[in-house]
Amino acid sequence: MTEEVQGGGQPGELDVMRGDTKYISIGALSKETGLSVENLRMWERRYGSPKAIRLPSGHRRYTWAEVARLKLVVSCGFSEIRT
């Protein structure tokens, strides 16, 4: 599931920043991890991960901690959509 926030993180959330960017878009997450946007959305629907923070506009944002976690998943060989 996703969480709706008004511009900030949730209490207890790991705040990881790269430069001045606290959260990144799904497109940037795709580029960082090598996973397609479609794959990321499918994983979110099926497995609840990657966990997105939703802006009031409905756009997804991800933390840099989520990027690191997904890179680990990809390094273990889990990068294809399984039907």
Protein backbone atom coordinates (compact mmCIF):
# COMPACT_ATOMS: atom_id res chain seq x y z
CA MET A 1 0.00 0.00 0.00
CA THR A 2 1.04 3.59 -0.41
CA GLU A 3 0.99 6.45 2.04
CA GLU A 4 -0.28 9.93 1.29
CA VAL A 5 1.84 12.78 2.57
CA GLN A 6 1.73 16.54 2.27
CA GLY A 7 5.31 17.17 1.18
CA GLY A 8 7.11 15.43 4.06
CA GLY A 9 8.01 11.96 5.26
CA GLN A 10 6.24 9.82 7.79
CA PRO A 11 7.37 9.67 11.43
CA GLY A 12 10.09 7.06 11.86
CA GLU A 13 10.83 6.92 8.13
CA LEU A 14 14.49 6.70 7.23
CA ASP A 15 15.35 10.05 5.65
CA VAL A 16 18.12 9.48 3.15
CA MET A 17 19.15 12.35 0.90
CA ARG A 18 21.36 12.49 -2.15
CA GLY A 19 22.33 16.06 -2.84
CA ASP A 20 19.23 18.10 -2.10
CA THR A 21 16.80 15.38 -3.28
CA LYS A 22 14.99 13.51 -0.51
CA TYR A 23 12.56 11.65 -2.78
CA ILE A 24 12.76 10.58 -6.42
CA SER A 25 10.15 9.86 -9.08
CA ILE A 26 9.34 6.43 -10.49
CA GLY A 27 11.22 7.35 -13.68
CA ALA A 28 14.35 8.19 -11.69
CA LEU A 29 13.91 4.97 -9.67
CA SER A 30 13.75 3.06 -12.94
CA LYS A 31 17.00 4.63 -14.17
CA GLU A 32 18.78 4.02 -10.86
CA THR A 33 17.78 0.35 -10.61
CA GLY A 34 17.53 -0.73 -14.25
CA LEU A 35 13.95 -1.91 -13.66
CA SER A 36 11.24 -0.71 -16.02
CA VAL A 37 8.53 1.63 -14.77
CA GLU A 38 5.97 -1.03 -15.72
CA ASN A 39 7.82 -3.65 -13.66
CA LEU A 40 8.00 -1.32 -10.64
CA ARG A 41 4.25 -0.62 -10.84
CA MET A 42 3.44 -4.31 -11.18
CA TRP A 43 5.59 -5.20 -8.16
CA GLU A 44 3.83 -2.47 -6.18
CA ARG A 45 0.40 -3.87 -7.12
CA ARG A 46 1.32 -7.51 -6.55
CA TYR A 47 3.65 -7.36 -3.58
CA GLY A 48 3.24 -3.91 -2.04
CA SER A 49 6.85 -3.13 -2.85
CA PRO A 50 8.53 -0.85 -3.74
CA LYS A 51 6.67 1.26 -1.23
CA ALA A 52 5.71 4.61 -2.71
CA ILE A 53 4.89 7.84 -0.98
CA ARG A 54 2.04 9.52 -2.84
CA LEU A 55 1.95 13.24 -3.38
CA PRO A 56 -1.45 14.97 -3.25
CA SER A 57 -1.35 14.85 -7.07
CA GLY A 58 -1.09 11.03 -6.94
CA HIS A 59 2.48 10.90 -8.22
CA ARG A 60 4.75 8.30 -6.64
CA ARG A 61 7.94 9.25 -4.80
CA TYR A 62 10.59 6.91 -3.41
CA THR A 63 13.35 7.29 -0.83
CA TRP A 64 17.01 6.61 -1.52
CA ALA A 65 16.77 3.77 0.99
CA GLU A 66 14.21 2.16 -1.36
CA VAL A 67 16.66 2.58 -4.26
CA ALA A 68 19.37 0.75 -2.29
CA ARG A 69 16.94 -2.04 -1.36
CA LEU A 70 15.83 -2.52 -4.97
CA LYS A 71 19.42 -2.58 -6.21
CA LEU A 72 20.05 -5.43 -3.77
CA VAL A 73 16.97 -7.29 -5.08
CA VAL A 74 18.17 -6.83 -8.67
CA SER A 75 21.67 -8.01 -7.76
CA CYS A 76 20.08 -11.25 -6.49
CA GLY A 77 18.56 -11.83 -9.93
CA PHE A 78 14.99 -10.66 -9.37
CA SER A 79 14.43 -8.24 -12.22
CA GLU A 80 11.93 -9.85 -14.60
CA ILE A 81 8.16 -9.69 -14.51
CA ARG A 82 6.83 -13.09 -13.54
CA THR A 83 3.32 -13.84 -14.76
